[in-house]
Amino acid sequence: MGGFNYNSRSSQQCAFILVLVIFAILLVSESNSSKNFMVPTVHVSIVNEIADKQILTIHCKSKDDDLGEHKLEYGQDFHWKFHINLFGTTLYWCSMWWTDSNGRLIQGSFDTYKADRDWIRCGRHCKYPVRQDGVYGYWEETQIYKLVYPWPK
């Protein structure tokens, strides 16, 4: 009698593929949500530690987000948070400038957050004090700040 031949292996494969598709849809929809539970939230902070009464101007952005230009008084910080993308290629960079006591413009641009470098270095909280000799970065493991970007000469 010719009837339907039920193949349990192909049925299991279809079910597995269906579960993968549903999981992928959930990941994509969740990655666009502000309550993303699958990917860690990272906080970045840049603080002006140049000198009293010294204004630091910064402009930070990523491929997808322009965070705008901000003027920081001494001791002020600019901070933002974001989720690392699923591929671990999240990148933010900042241009910064200030005028020293001799009237000379000091400026530079550096990668403020690069997922493959900074996830290990600073984890979920990356802090960058900006000082007269350059930008410092926080190392979570040793809990110290090191010069990560000296101002160009």
N, C-alpha and C. Protein backbone atom coordinates (compact mmCIF):
# COMPACT_ATOMS: atom_id res chain seq x y z
N MET A 1 0.84 -1.15 0.00
CA MET A 1 0.00 0.00 0.00
C MET A 1 0.89 1.22 0.00
N GLY A 2 0.67 2.09 -0.91
CA GLY A 2 1.49 3.30 -1.00
C GLY A 2 0.89 4.38 -0.14
N GLY A 3 1.58 4.73 0.90
CA GLY A 3 1.09 5.77 1.78
C GLY A 3 2.18 6.77 2.10
N PHE A 4 1.88 7.63 3.01
CA PHE A 4 2.85 8.63 3.43
C PHE A 4 3.94 7.97 4.24
N ASN A 5 5.18 8.22 3.87
CA ASN A 5 6.33 7.65 4.58
C ASN A 5 6.85 8.71 5.56
N TYR A 6 6.56 8.55 6.80
CA TYR A 6 6.99 9.51 7.83
C TYR A 6 8.46 9.28 8.15
N ASN A 7 9.26 10.31 7.94
CA ASN A 7 10.70 10.24 8.23
C ASN A 7 10.97 11.12 9.44
N SER A 8 11.21 10.50 10.59
CA SER A 8 11.37 11.26 11.82
C SER A 8 12.63 12.12 11.81
N ARG A 9 13.67 11.68 11.09
CA ARG A 9 14.91 12.47 11.04
C ARG A 9 14.67 13.81 10.33
N SER A 10 14.01 13.81 9.20
CA SER A 10 13.77 15.06 8.50
C SER A 10 12.81 15.95 9.29
N SER A 11 11.89 15.35 10.01
CA SER A 11 10.98 16.11 10.85
C SER A 11 11.75 16.80 11.97
N GLN A 12 12.71 16.11 12.57
CA GLN A 12 13.55 16.70 13.62
C GLN A 12 14.42 17.82 13.06
N GLN A 13 14.93 17.63 11.86
CA GLN A 13 15.75 18.67 11.24
C GLN A 13 14.92 19.92 10.97
N CYS A 14 13.71 19.74 10.49
CA CYS A 14 12.82 20.89 10.25
C CYS A 14 12.51 21.62 11.56
N ALA A 15 12.26 20.86 12.59
CA ALA A 15 11.97 21.47 13.89
C ALA A 15 13.18 22.25 14.40
N PHE A 16 14.37 21.71 14.22
CA PHE A 16 15.60 22.39 14.64
C PHE A 16 15.80 23.69 13.87
N ILE A 17 15.58 23.63 12.56
CA ILE A 17 15.71 24.83 11.72
C ILE A 17 14.69 25.88 12.14
N LEU A 18 13.48 25.45 12.42
CA LEU A 18 12.43 26.36 12.86
C LEU A 18 12.83 27.05 14.18
N VAL A 19 13.38 26.30 15.11
CA VAL A 19 13.83 26.87 16.38
C VAL A 19 14.95 27.88 16.13
N LEU A 20 15.89 27.57 15.24
CA LEU A 20 16.97 28.51 14.91
C LEU A 20 16.43 29.79 14.29
N VAL A 21 15.47 29.67 13.41
CA VAL A 21 14.89 30.86 12.78
C VAL A 21 14.19 31.72 13.82
N ILE A 22 13.42 31.11 14.70
CA ILE A 22 12.74 31.86 15.76
C ILE A 22 13.76 32.54 16.67
N PHE A 23 14.82 31.84 17.02
CA PHE A 23 15.87 32.42 17.86
C PHE A 23 16.52 33.61 17.16
N ALA A 24 16.81 33.48 15.87
CA ALA A 24 17.42 34.58 15.12
C ALA A 24 16.49 35.79 15.07
N ILE A 25 15.21 35.55 14.88
CA ILE A 25 14.24 36.66 14.86
C ILE A 25 14.20 37.34 16.23
N LEU A 26 14.21 36.56 17.28
CA LEU A 26 14.22 37.15 18.62
C LEU A 26 15.47 37.97 18.87
N LEU A 27 16.62 37.47 18.41
CA LEU A 27 17.87 38.22 18.58
C LEU A 27 17.83 39.54 17.85
N VAL A 28 17.35 39.52 16.61
CA VAL A 28 17.29 40.75 15.82
C VAL A 28 16.32 41.74 16.45
N SER A 29 15.15 41.27 16.84
CA SER A 29 14.18 42.18 17.45
C SER A 29 14.68 42.68 18.80
N GLU A 30 15.36 41.82 19.53
CA GLU A 30 15.89 42.20 20.84
C GLU A 30 17.06 43.17 20.69
N SER A 31 17.85 43.04 19.62
CA SER A 31 18.99 43.93 19.45
C SER A 31 18.54 45.35 19.14
N ASN A 32 17.31 45.51 18.67
CA ASN A 32 16.76 46.84 18.42
C ASN A 32 16.01 47.39 19.62
N SER A 33 15.95 46.62 20.67
CA SER A 33 15.23 47.02 21.87
C SER A 33 16.18 47.66 22.87
N SER A 34 15.66 48.58 23.67
CA SER A 34 16.49 49.20 24.70
C SER A 34 16.70 48.26 25.88
N LYS A 35 15.95 47.17 25.94
CA LYS A 35 16.10 46.22 27.03
C LYS A 35 16.78 44.96 26.51
N ASN A 36 17.93 45.12 25.91
CA ASN A 36 18.64 44.01 25.30
C ASN A 36 19.30 43.16 26.38
N PHE A 37 18.85 41.91 26.53
CA PHE A 37 19.40 41.05 27.57
C PHE A 37 20.49 40.13 27.05
N MET A 38 20.65 40.02 25.75
CA MET A 38 21.61 39.08 25.17
C MET A 38 23.01 39.68 25.03
N VAL A 39 23.10 40.98 24.85
CA VAL A 39 24.36 41.63 24.57
C VAL A 39 24.62 42.66 25.68
N PRO A 40 25.86 42.69 26.22
CA PRO A 40 26.12 43.58 27.35
C PRO A 40 26.01 45.07 27.01
N THR A 41 25.61 45.84 28.01
CA THR A 41 25.58 47.29 27.89
C THR A 41 26.93 47.82 28.34
N VAL A 42 27.50 48.72 27.55
CA VAL A 42 28.78 49.34 27.87
C VAL A 42 28.54 50.82 28.16
N HIS A 43 29.22 51.34 29.17
CA HIS A 43 29.15 52.76 29.53
C HIS A 43 30.52 53.37 29.26
N VAL A 44 30.55 54.46 28.52
CA VAL A 44 31.79 55.17 28.24
C VAL A 44 31.68 56.57 28.82
N SER A 45 32.76 57.02 29.45
CA SER A 45 32.78 58.34 30.07
C SER A 45 34.09 59.04 29.72
N ILE A 46 33.98 60.29 29.28
CA ILE A 46 35.15 61.12 29.00
C ILE A 46 35.07 62.33 29.92
N VAL A 47 36.14 62.56 30.69
CA VAL A 47 36.11 63.66 31.66
C VAL A 47 37.26 64.63 31.39
N ASN A 48 36.97 65.91 31.51
CA ASN A 48 37.97 66.95 31.31
C ASN A 48 38.78 67.12 32.59
N GLU A 49 40.04 66.69 32.55
CA GLU A 49 40.98 66.88 33.65
C GLU A 49 42.19 67.69 33.19
N ILE A 50 42.00 68.56 32.21
CA ILE A 50 43.13 69.31 31.64
C ILE A 50 43.64 70.36 32.63
N ALA A 51 42.80 71.29 33.00
CA ALA A 51 43.19 72.34 33.95
C ALA A 51 41.95 73.15 34.32
N ASP A 52 42.02 73.80 35.47
CA ASP A 52 40.92 74.64 35.91
C ASP A 52 40.64 75.71 34.85
N LYS A 53 39.38 75.97 34.59
CA LYS A 53 38.90 76.95 33.61
C LYS A 53 39.29 76.62 32.17
N GLN A 54 39.68 75.40 31.92
CA GLN A 54 40.04 74.96 30.56
C GLN A 54 38.87 74.21 29.94
N ILE A 55 38.39 74.64 28.78
CA ILE A 55 37.28 74.00 28.09
C ILE A 55 37.83 72.96 27.12
N LEU A 56 37.26 71.76 27.17
CA LEU A 56 37.57 70.69 26.23
C LEU A 56 36.34 70.49 25.36
N THR A 57 36.53 70.51 24.05
CA THR A 57 35.43 70.25 23.13
C THR A 57 35.62 68.85 22.55
N ILE A 58 34.55 68.07 22.55
CA ILE A 58 34.63 66.71 22.00
C ILE A 58 33.47 66.50 21.03
N HIS A 59 33.71 65.63 20.07
CA HIS A 59 32.67 65.20 19.13
C HIS A 59 32.86 63.71 18.90
N CYS A 60 31.92 62.91 19.39
CA CYS A 60 32.02 61.45 19.33
C CYS A 60 30.95 60.89 18.41
N LYS A 61 31.30 59.77 17.76
CA LYS A 61 30.35 59.12 16.87
C LYS A 61 30.76 57.69 16.61
N SER A 62 29.82 56.96 16.04
CA SER A 62 30.06 55.61 15.52
C SER A 62 29.56 55.62 14.08
N LYS A 63 29.59 54.47 13.46
CA LYS A 63 29.08 54.38 12.10
C LYS A 63 27.58 54.73 12.07
N ASP A 64 26.88 54.40 13.13
CA ASP A 64 25.42 54.58 13.17
C ASP A 64 24.94 55.76 14.00
N ASP A 65 25.75 56.22 14.94
CA ASP A 65 25.31 57.26 15.87
C ASP A 65 26.28 58.42 15.90
N ASP A 66 25.77 59.63 15.72
CA ASP A 66 26.55 60.84 15.92
C ASP A 66 26.09 61.42 17.25
N LEU A 67 26.99 61.43 18.25
CA LEU A 67 26.62 61.87 19.59
C LEU A 67 26.71 63.39 19.76
N GLY A 68 27.14 64.08 18.71
CA GLY A 68 27.17 65.54 18.74
C GLY A 68 28.42 66.10 19.37
N GLU A 69 28.50 67.41 19.32
CA GLU A 69 29.64 68.15 19.88
C GLU A 69 29.28 68.61 21.29
N HIS A 70 30.25 68.48 22.20
CA HIS A 70 30.02 68.85 23.60
C HIS A 70 31.21 69.63 24.13
N LYS A 71 30.93 70.69 24.87
CA LYS A 71 31.96 71.49 25.53
C LYS A 71 31.96 71.13 27.01
N LEU A 72 33.12 70.64 27.48
CA LEU A 72 33.23 70.21 28.87
C LEU A 72 34.09 71.18 29.66
N GLU A 73 33.55 71.69 30.73
CA GLU A 73 34.33 72.49 31.66
C GLU A 73 35.20 71.54 32.47
N TYR A 74 36.20 72.08 33.14
CA TYR A 74 37.07 71.26 33.96
C TYR A 74 36.24 70.45 34.97
N GLY A 75 36.48 69.16 35.03
CA GLY A 75 35.76 68.28 35.94
C GLY A 75 34.47 67.69 35.38
N GLN A 76 33.96 68.25 34.30
CA GLN A 76 32.73 67.72 33.70
C GLN A 76 33.04 66.49 32.85
N ASP A 77 32.01 65.65 32.69
CA ASP A 77 32.18 64.50 31.82
C ASP A 77 31.05 64.41 30.82
N PHE A 78 31.32 63.70 29.75
CA PHE A 78 30.30 63.33 28.78
C PHE A 78 30.28 61.81 28.77
N HIS A 79 29.09 61.24 28.87
CA HIS A 79 29.01 59.78 28.92
C HIS A 79 27.82 59.31 28.09
N TRP A 80 27.95 58.08 27.64
CA TRP A 80 26.88 57.45 26.89
C TRP A 80 26.96 55.95 27.11
N LYS A 81 25.89 55.27 26.72
CA LYS A 81 25.88 53.81 26.84
C LYS A 81 25.33 53.22 25.55
N PHE A 82 25.68 51.97 25.32
CA PHE A 82 25.28 51.29 24.10
C PHE A 82 25.45 49.79 24.30
N HIS A 83 24.94 49.03 23.36
CA HIS A 83 25.12 47.58 23.36
C HIS A 83 26.16 47.23 22.30
N ILE A 84 27.06 46.33 22.63
CA ILE A 84 28.01 45.82 21.65
C ILE A 84 27.21 45.04 20.61
N ASN A 85 27.54 45.21 19.33
CA ASN A 85 26.80 44.46 18.31
C ASN A 85 27.14 42.97 18.39
N LEU A 86 26.33 42.17 17.75
CA LEU A 86 26.48 40.71 17.83
C LEU A 86 27.79 40.21 17.25
N PHE A 87 28.40 40.99 16.37
CA PHE A 87 29.64 40.57 15.73
C PHE A 87 30.88 41.04 16.50
N GLY A 88 30.69 41.83 17.56
CA GLY A 88 31.81 42.32 18.36
C GLY A 88 32.66 43.33 17.63
N THR A 89 32.06 44.10 16.71
CA THR A 89 32.82 45.08 15.93
C THR A 89 32.43 46.52 16.27
N THR A 90 31.73 46.72 17.37
CA THR A 90 31.31 48.06 17.75
C THR A 90 32.52 48.99 17.87
N LEU A 91 32.39 50.19 17.29
CA LEU A 91 33.49 51.16 17.29
C LEU A 91 32.92 52.56 17.45
N TYR A 92 33.43 53.29 18.44
CA TYR A 92 33.16 54.72 18.61
C TYR A 92 34.49 55.44 18.56
N TRP A 93 34.49 56.64 17.99
CA TRP A 93 35.70 57.45 17.99
C TRP A 93 35.32 58.88 18.35
N CYS A 94 36.28 59.61 18.90
CA CYS A 94 36.04 60.98 19.33
C CYS A 94 37.15 61.89 18.82
N SER A 95 36.75 63.04 18.34
CA SER A 95 37.68 64.13 18.06
C SER A 95 37.61 65.07 19.25
N MET A 96 38.77 65.60 19.66
CA MET A 96 38.82 66.48 20.83
C MET A 96 39.75 67.63 20.53
N TRP A 97 39.46 68.77 21.13
CA TRP A 97 40.37 69.91 20.97
C TRP A 97 40.21 70.89 22.13
N TRP A 98 41.30 71.59 22.39
CA TRP A 98 41.35 72.61 23.43
C TRP A 98 42.51 73.54 23.12
N THR A 99 42.53 74.70 23.75
CA THR A 99 43.57 75.69 23.52
C THR A 99 44.41 75.81 24.78
N ASP A 100 45.74 75.62 24.64
CA ASP A 100 46.61 75.67 25.82
C ASP A 100 46.86 77.12 26.25
N SER A 101 47.61 77.31 27.31
CA SER A 101 47.84 78.64 27.88
C SER A 101 48.64 79.54 26.94
N ASN A 102 49.31 78.99 25.95
CA ASN A 102 50.05 79.78 24.95
C ASN A 102 49.20 80.10 23.73
N GLY A 103 47.92 79.72 23.76
CA GLY A 103 47.03 79.98 22.64
C GLY A 103 47.14 78.95 21.52
N ARG A 104 47.87 77.89 21.75
CA ARG A 104 48.06 76.84 20.73
C ARG A 104 46.89 75.86 20.78
N LEU A 105 46.33 75.55 19.61
CA LEU A 105 45.25 74.59 19.51
C LEU A 105 45.83 73.18 19.62
N ILE A 106 45.34 72.41 20.59
CA ILE A 106 45.73 71.01 20.78
C ILE A 106 44.53 70.18 20.33
N GLN A 107 44.76 69.26 19.40
CA GLN A 107 43.63 68.47 18.91
C GLN A 107 44.08 67.08 18.49
N GLY A 108 43.12 66.17 18.50
CA GLY A 108 43.39 64.81 18.08
C GLY A 108 42.09 64.02 17.99
N SER A 109 42.21 62.84 17.43
CA SER A 109 41.07 61.94 17.30
C SER A 109 41.54 60.53 17.59
N PHE A 110 40.74 59.77 18.33
CA PHE A 110 41.15 58.40 18.64
C PHE A 110 39.92 57.51 18.80
N ASP A 111 40.15 56.21 18.68
CA ASP A 111 39.09 55.23 18.87
C ASP A 111 38.79 55.13 20.36
N THR A 112 37.65 55.64 20.74
CA THR A 112 37.27 55.68 22.14
C THR A 112 36.80 54.32 22.63
N TYR A 113 36.07 53.61 21.79
CA TYR A 113 35.66 52.26 22.16
C TYR A 113 35.75 51.36 20.94
N LYS A 114 36.55 50.33 21.09
CA LYS A 114 36.71 49.32 20.06
C LYS A 114 36.48 47.97 20.75
N ALA A 115 35.38 47.30 20.42
CA ALA A 115 34.93 46.13 21.18
C ALA A 115 36.01 45.07 21.36
N ASP A 116 36.72 44.73 20.29
CA ASP A 116 37.70 43.64 20.42
C ASP A 116 38.90 44.03 21.28
N ARG A 117 39.13 45.31 21.50
CA ARG A 117 40.23 45.77 22.34
C ARG A 117 39.75 46.10 23.76
N ASP A 118 38.63 46.77 23.85
CA ASP A 118 38.23 47.36 25.12
C ASP A 118 37.37 46.48 26.01
N TRP A 119 36.75 45.46 25.46
CA TRP A 119 35.95 44.58 26.31
C TRP A 119 36.84 43.93 27.37
N ILE A 120 38.04 43.55 26.99
CA ILE A 120 38.98 42.94 27.94
C ILE A 120 39.60 44.01 28.84
N ARG A 121 39.93 45.17 28.27
CA ARG A 121 40.62 46.22 29.02
C ARG A 121 39.75 46.87 30.08
N CYS A 122 38.55 47.27 29.71
CA CYS A 122 37.74 48.02 30.67
C CYS A 122 36.36 47.44 30.91
N GLY A 123 36.01 46.34 30.27
CA GLY A 123 34.74 45.69 30.53
C GLY A 123 33.55 46.55 30.16
N ARG A 124 32.61 46.67 31.08
CA ARG A 124 31.37 47.41 30.81
C ARG A 124 31.48 48.91 31.12
N HIS A 125 32.60 49.34 31.74
CA HIS A 125 32.74 50.74 32.13
C HIS A 125 34.10 51.26 31.67
N CYS A 126 34.11 52.01 30.58
CA CYS A 126 35.35 52.56 30.04
C CYS A 126 35.41 54.05 30.36
N LYS A 127 36.45 54.42 31.12
CA LYS A 127 36.60 55.80 31.58
C LYS A 127 37.84 56.40 30.94
N TYR A 128 37.70 57.63 30.46
CA TYR A 128 38.81 58.31 29.79
C TYR A 128 39.00 59.72 30.35
N PRO A 129 39.90 59.91 31.32
CA PRO A 129 40.26 61.27 31.73
C PRO A 129 41.15 61.89 30.65
N VAL A 130 40.83 63.12 30.28
CA VAL A 130 41.63 63.84 29.28
C VAL A 130 42.49 64.84 30.04
N ARG A 131 43.81 64.73 29.84
CA ARG A 131 44.77 65.57 30.57
C ARG A 131 45.66 66.33 29.60
N GLN A 132 46.54 67.16 30.13
CA GLN A 132 47.38 68.00 29.27
C GLN A 132 48.30 67.21 28.36
N ASP A 133 48.70 66.00 28.78
CA ASP A 133 49.60 65.20 27.93
C ASP A 133 48.87 64.21 27.04
N GLY A 134 47.55 64.05 27.21
CA GLY A 134 46.79 63.14 26.36
C GLY A 134 45.59 62.54 27.06
N VAL A 135 45.10 61.47 26.47
CA VAL A 135 43.91 60.78 26.98
C VAL A 135 44.35 59.51 27.70
N TYR A 136 43.80 59.30 28.87
CA TYR A 136 44.12 58.13 29.67
C TYR A 136 42.96 57.14 29.61
N GLY A 137 43.28 55.86 29.73
CA GLY A 137 42.26 54.83 29.74
C GLY A 137 42.37 54.00 31.00
N TYR A 138 41.25 53.49 31.44
CA TYR A 138 41.18 52.71 32.67
C TYR A 138 41.37 51.23 32.36
N TRP A 139 42.22 50.57 33.12
CA TRP A 139 42.43 49.13 33.03
C TRP A 139 41.73 48.49 34.23
N GLU A 140 40.67 47.76 33.96
CA GLU A 140 39.88 47.17 35.03
C GLU A 140 40.70 46.16 35.86
N GLU A 141 41.52 45.37 35.21
CA GLU A 141 42.28 44.33 35.89
C GLU A 141 43.23 44.90 36.95
N THR A 142 43.93 45.98 36.60
CA THR A 142 44.89 46.57 37.54
C THR A 142 44.32 47.77 38.28
N GLN A 143 43.17 48.25 37.85
CA GLN A 143 42.50 49.42 38.42
C GLN A 143 43.38 50.66 38.39
N ILE A 144 44.10 50.85 37.29
CA ILE A 144 44.91 52.05 37.11
C ILE A 144 44.62 52.67 35.74
N TYR A 145 44.99 53.93 35.62
CA TYR A 145 44.85 54.65 34.36
C TYR A 145 46.22 54.73 33.68
N LYS A 146 46.22 54.52 32.37
CA LYS A 146 47.45 54.61 31.57
C LYS A 146 47.19 55.52 30.39
N LEU A 147 48.23 56.21 29.94
CA LEU A 147 48.13 57.06 28.76
C LEU A 147 47.88 56.17 27.55
N VAL A 148 46.75 56.37 26.88
CA VAL A 148 46.40 55.56 25.71
C VAL A 148 46.50 56.36 24.42
N TYR A 149 46.47 57.69 24.53
CA TYR A 149 46.53 58.52 23.33
C TYR A 149 47.22 59.84 23.66
N PRO A 150 48.51 59.96 23.38
CA PRO A 150 49.18 61.25 23.58
C PRO A 150 48.75 62.23 22.48
N TRP A 151 48.69 63.51 22.82
CA TRP A 151 48.33 64.50 21.81
C TRP A 151 49.38 64.53 20.70
N PRO A 152 48.93 64.63 19.45
CA PRO A 152 49.91 64.72 18.35
C PRO A 152 50.74 66.00 18.49
N LYS A 153 52.00 65.90 18.09
CA LYS A 153 52.91 67.07 18.16
C LYS A 153 52.76 67.92 16.93
